[in-house]
Amino acid sequence: MGLWMKSNYLCIAALAIILAGLFFNLPCYAESQTAVEKKFNTFAGNWIFRIETAYLHTRENPKIEFSNGQYQASFHQVAPDTIQTDVKPAAGSSSIFTGVLQYNEYLFQSKGATRDQAMAGPFEPASLKKMTEIFLYENGSWMP
């Protein structure tokens, strides 16, 4: 093989290496804010579901206590009408976001002279916790 052919092969090989380097170093496609917000709303709905299924005591299976001559039934529940989400891009990045999930968690209680009366209700909110959780979106998914 002549010197001219070897130099052409070297040029082609060098060009292939440069093009491969450019191809693999391209920045990742940045998702739109709207797409990331949609993903967060789905994630937040699933997160709330996980919270509610983790409660030991629910409306169907309240905690029952006897004190001062009466029964008290209680359980925790997320108020669905209080769920709010907000998504913001991280400073200096088009692919990293933070998501804020806010909701109210109520403790409901009912009292009665018997266990059955306490379980029958009516259940009234006895206390409220305003919850705020912050999540990170990176590499295409929300992280719990």
C-alpha atoms as a PDB file:
ATOM      1  CA  MET A   1       0.000   0.000   0.000  1.00  0.00           C
ATOM      2  CA  GLY A   2       1.394   3.351  -0.968  1.00  0.00           C
ATOM      3  CA  LEU A   3       2.053   6.298   1.313  1.00  0.00           C
ATOM      4  CA  TRP A   4      -0.835   8.198  -0.218  1.00  0.00           C
ATOM      5  CA  MET A   5      -3.314   5.355   0.561  1.00  0.00           C
ATOM      6  CA  LYS A   6      -2.033   5.030   4.145  1.00  0.00           C
ATOM      7  CA  SER A   7      -2.453   8.752   4.750  1.00  0.00           C
ATOM      8  CA  ASN A   8      -6.021   8.614   3.346  1.00  0.00           C
ATOM      9  CA  TYR A   9      -6.873   5.727   5.656  1.00  0.00           C
ATOM     10  CA  LEU A  10      -5.436   7.649   8.604  1.00  0.00           C
ATOM     11  CA  CYS A  11      -7.449  10.733   7.661  1.00  0.00           C
ATOM     12  CA  ILE A  12     -10.639   8.691   7.353  1.00  0.00           C
ATOM     13  CA  ALA A  13      -9.959   6.953  10.689  1.00  0.00           C
ATOM     14  CA  ALA A  14      -9.242  10.281  12.402  1.00  0.00           C
ATOM     15  CA  LEU A  15     -12.427  11.777  10.933  1.00  0.00           C
ATOM     16  CA  ALA A  16     -14.454   8.758  12.133  1.00  0.00           C
ATOM     17  CA  ILE A  17     -13.027   9.156  15.659  1.00  0.00           C
ATOM     18  CA  ILE A  18     -13.822  12.884  15.694  1.00  0.00           C
ATOM     19  CA  LEU A  19     -17.383  12.313  14.422  1.00  0.00           C
ATOM     20  CA  ALA A  20     -17.949   9.525  16.967  1.00  0.00           C
ATOM     21  CA  GLY A  21     -16.694  11.822  19.712  1.00  0.00           C
ATOM     22  CA  LEU A  22     -19.067  14.567  18.608  1.00  0.00           C
ATOM     23  CA  PHE A  23     -21.977  12.146  18.356  1.00  0.00           C
ATOM     24  CA  PHE A  24     -21.521  10.641  21.804  1.00  0.00           C
ATOM     25  CA  ASN A  25     -20.892  13.998  23.472  1.00  0.00           C
ATOM     26  CA  LEU A  26     -24.094  15.593  22.238  1.00  0.00           C
ATOM     27  CA  PRO A  27     -26.137  17.031  25.082  1.00  0.00           C
ATOM     28  CA  CYS A  28     -29.164  14.979  26.110  1.00  0.00           C
ATOM     29  CA  TYR A  29     -32.511  16.032  24.771  1.00  0.00           C
ATOM     30  CA  ALA A  30     -34.116  18.314  27.340  1.00  0.00           C
ATOM     31  CA  GLU A  31     -37.750  17.572  28.063  1.00  0.00           C
ATOM     32  CA  SER A  32     -40.243  20.382  28.054  1.00  0.00           C
ATOM     33  CA  GLN A  33     -41.496  21.828  31.323  1.00  0.00           C
ATOM     34  CA  THR A  34     -45.011  20.657  30.427  1.00  0.00           C
ATOM     35  CA  ALA A  35     -43.885  17.055  29.867  1.00  0.00           C
ATOM     36  CA  VAL A  36     -41.997  17.000  33.175  1.00  0.00           C
ATOM     37  CA  GLU A  37     -45.013  18.503  34.979  1.00  0.00           C
ATOM     38  CA  LYS A  38     -47.277  15.790  33.541  1.00  0.00           C
ATOM     39  CA  LYS A  39     -44.849  13.134  34.756  1.00  0.00           C
ATOM     40  CA  PHE A  40     -44.756  14.761  38.188  1.00  0.00           C
ATOM     41  CA  ASN A  41     -48.547  14.852  38.475  1.00  0.00           C
ATOM     42  CA  THR A  42     -48.654  11.115  37.711  1.00  0.00           C
ATOM     43  CA  PHE A  43     -45.801  10.477  40.162  1.00  0.00           C
ATOM     44  CA  ALA A  44     -47.520  12.586  42.863  1.00  0.00           C
ATOM     45  CA  GLY A  45     -50.807  10.696  42.430  1.00  0.00           C
ATOM     46  CA  ASN A  46     -48.983   7.398  42.840  1.00  0.00           C
ATOM     47  CA  TRP A  47     -47.087   8.789  45.846  1.00  0.00           C
ATOM     48  CA  ILE A  48     -50.328   9.852  47.576  1.00  0.00           C
ATOM     49  CA  PHE A  49     -51.779   6.404  46.876  1.00  0.00           C
ATOM     50  CA  ARG A  50     -48.724   4.798  48.510  1.00  0.00           C
ATOM     51  CA  ILE A  51     -49.109   7.053  51.555  1.00  0.00           C
ATOM     52  CA  GLU A  52     -52.783   6.223  51.961  1.00  0.00           C
ATOM     53  CA  THR A  53     -52.268   2.471  51.571  1.00  0.00           C
ATOM     54  CA  ALA A  54     -49.500   2.608  54.197  1.00  0.00           C
ATOM     55  CA  TYR A  55     -51.801   3.982  56.908  1.00  0.00           C
ATOM     56  CA  LEU A  56     -52.300   1.424  59.656  1.00  0.00           C
ATOM     57  CA  HIS A  57     -55.721   2.840  60.549  1.00  0.00           C
ATOM     58  CA  THR A  58     -58.260   3.841  57.901  1.00  0.00           C
ATOM     59  CA  ARG A  59     -61.941   4.762  57.806  1.00  0.00           C
ATOM     60  CA  GLU A  60     -62.740   1.073  57.344  1.00  0.00           C
ATOM     61  CA  ASN A  61     -60.349  -0.003  60.130  1.00  0.00           C
ATOM     62  CA  PRO A  62     -60.000   2.848  62.639  1.00  0.00           C
ATOM     63  CA  LYS A  63     -57.906   2.783  65.774  1.00  0.00           C
ATOM     64  CA  ILE A  64     -60.201   2.196  68.773  1.00  0.00           C
ATOM     65  CA  GLU A  65     -59.320   3.469  72.248  1.00  0.00           C
ATOM     66  CA  PHE A  66     -61.298   3.583  75.487  1.00  0.00           C
ATOM     67  CA  SER A  67     -60.752   6.597  77.728  1.00  0.00           C
ATOM     68  CA  ASN A  68     -62.809   8.538  80.299  1.00  0.00           C
ATOM     69  CA  GLY A  69     -65.780   6.199  79.941  1.00  0.00           C
ATOM     70  CA  GLN A  70     -66.147   6.447  76.162  1.00  0.00           C
ATOM     71  CA  TYR A  71     -64.752   4.934  72.986  1.00  0.00           C
ATOM     72  CA  GLN A  72     -62.819   6.922  70.438  1.00  0.00           C
ATOM     73  CA  ALA A  73     -62.215   5.801  66.862  1.00  0.00           C
ATOM     74  CA  SER A  74     -59.559   7.577  64.773  1.00  0.00           C
ATOM     75  CA  PHE A  75     -57.725   7.398  61.457  1.00  0.00           C
ATOM     76  CA  HIS A  76     -55.542   9.557  59.187  1.00  0.00           C
ATOM     77  CA  GLN A  77     -56.440  10.593  55.663  1.00  0.00           C
ATOM     78  CA  VAL A  78     -55.049  12.871  52.954  1.00  0.00           C
ATOM     79  CA  ALA A  79     -57.563  15.498  51.865  1.00  0.00           C
ATOM     80  CA  PRO A  80     -57.634  15.094  48.063  1.00  0.00           C
ATOM     81  CA  ASP A  81     -58.833  18.653  47.452  1.00  0.00           C
ATOM     82  CA  THR A  82     -55.678  20.027  49.135  1.00  0.00           C
ATOM     83  CA  ILE A  83     -53.130  18.311  46.859  1.00  0.00           C
ATOM     84  CA  GLN A  84     -50.958  20.834  45.005  1.00  0.00           C
ATOM     85  CA  THR A  85     -47.901  20.352  42.817  1.00  0.00           C
ATOM     86  CA  ASP A  86     -45.241  22.702  41.484  1.00  0.00           C
ATOM     87  CA  VAL A  87     -42.304  21.936  39.183  1.00  0.00           C
ATOM     88  CA  LYS A  88     -39.296  24.169  38.609  1.00  0.00           C
ATOM     89  CA  PRO A  89     -36.092  23.645  36.621  1.00  0.00           C
ATOM     90  CA  ALA A  90     -32.886  23.528  38.623  1.00  0.00           C
ATOM     91  CA  ALA A  91     -30.647  26.549  38.155  1.00  0.00           C
ATOM     92  CA  GLY A  92     -28.291  26.107  35.238  1.00  0.00           C
ATOM     93  CA  SER A  93     -29.824  22.853  33.980  1.00  0.00           C
ATOM     94  CA  SER A  94     -32.400  22.001  31.369  1.00  0.00           C
ATOM     95  CA  SER A  95     -32.741  18.344  32.418  1.00  0.00           C
ATOM     96  CA  ILE A  96     -32.923  18.528  36.227  1.00  0.00           C
ATOM     97  CA  PHE A  97     -36.091  19.682  37.980  1.00  0.00           C
ATOM     98  CA  THR A  98     -37.469  19.880  41.486  1.00  0.00           C
ATOM     99  CA  GLY A  99     -41.056  18.989  42.246  1.00  0.00           C
ATOM    100  CA  VAL A 100     -42.934  20.165  45.314  1.00  0.00           C
ATOM    101  CA  LEU A 101     -45.932  18.175  46.541  1.00  0.00           C
ATOM    102  CA  GLN A 102     -48.144  19.781  49.175  1.00  0.00           C
ATOM    103  CA  TYR A 103     -51.205  18.292  50.847  1.00  0.00           C
ATOM    104  CA  ASN A 104     -53.110  18.270  54.130  1.00  0.00           C
ATOM    105  CA  GLU A 105     -53.244  15.164  56.282  1.00  0.00           C
ATOM    106  CA  TYR A 106     -56.137  15.060  58.725  1.00  0.00           C
ATOM    107  CA  LEU A 107     -56.682  13.031  61.867  1.00  0.00           C
ATOM    108  CA  PHE A 108     -60.379  12.181  62.008  1.00  0.00           C
ATOM    109  CA  GLN A 109     -62.013  11.137  65.270  1.00  0.00           C
ATOM    110  CA  SER A 110     -65.403   9.940  66.414  1.00  0.00           C
ATOM    111  CA  LYS A 111     -66.593   9.247  69.958  1.00  0.00           C
ATOM    112  CA  GLY A 112     -69.372   7.093  71.305  1.00  0.00           C
ATOM    113  CA  ALA A 113     -70.634   5.239  74.364  1.00  0.00           C
ATOM    114  CA  THR A 114     -69.961   1.928  72.592  1.00  0.00           C
ATOM    115  CA  ARG A 115     -67.356   0.703  70.177  1.00  0.00           C
ATOM    116  CA  ASP A 116     -69.955   0.459  67.392  1.00  0.00           C
ATOM    117  CA  GLN A 117     -71.155   4.026  67.990  1.00  0.00           C
ATOM    118  CA  ALA A 118     -67.612   5.340  67.791  1.00  0.00           C
ATOM    119  CA  MET A 119     -66.970   3.411  64.553  1.00  0.00           C
ATOM    120  CA  ALA A 120     -70.258   4.613  63.022  1.00  0.00           C
ATOM    121  CA  GLY A 121     -69.256   8.269  63.271  1.00  0.00           C
ATOM    122  CA  PRO A 122     -69.694  11.002  62.446  1.00  0.00           C
ATOM    123  CA  PHE A 123     -65.937  11.468  62.114  1.00  0.00           C
ATOM    124  CA  GLU A 124     -64.738  15.025  62.556  1.00  0.00           C
ATOM    125  CA  PRO A 125     -61.275  16.447  61.800  1.00  0.00           C
ATOM    126  CA  ALA A 126     -59.376  16.629  65.097  1.00  0.00           C
ATOM    127  CA  SER A 127     -56.012  17.823  63.802  1.00  0.00           C
ATOM    128  CA  LEU A 128     -54.319  18.862  60.606  1.00  0.00           C
ATOM    129  CA  LYS A 129     -50.757  18.488  59.323  1.00  0.00           C
ATOM    130  CA  LYS A 130     -49.718  20.561  56.328  1.00  0.00           C
ATOM    131  CA  MET A 131     -47.262  18.367  54.466  1.00  0.00           C
ATOM    132  CA  THR A 132     -44.620  19.464  51.953  1.00  0.00           C
ATOM    133  CA  GLU A 133     -42.416  16.974  50.122  1.00  0.00           C
ATOM    134  CA  ILE A 134     -39.680  17.798  47.624  1.00  0.00           C
ATOM    135  CA  PHE A 135     -38.569  15.447  44.852  1.00  0.00           C
ATOM    136  CA  LEU A 136     -35.785  15.480  42.254  1.00  0.00           C
ATOM    137  CA  TYR A 137     -36.230  14.788  38.547  1.00  0.00           C
ATOM    138  CA  GLU A 138     -33.074  13.550  36.894  1.00  0.00           C
ATOM    139  CA  ASN A 139     -32.261  11.196  34.020  1.00  0.00           C
ATOM    140  CA  GLY A 140     -35.885  11.102  32.896  1.00  0.00           C
ATOM    141  CA  SER A 141     -37.614  10.109  36.121  1.00  0.00           C
ATOM    142  CA  TRP A 142     -38.771  11.376  39.496  1.00  0.00           C
ATOM    143  CA  MET A 143     -36.914  10.003  42.487  1.00  0.00           C
ATOM    144  CA  PRO A 144     -38.737   9.197  45.727  1.00  0.00           C
END
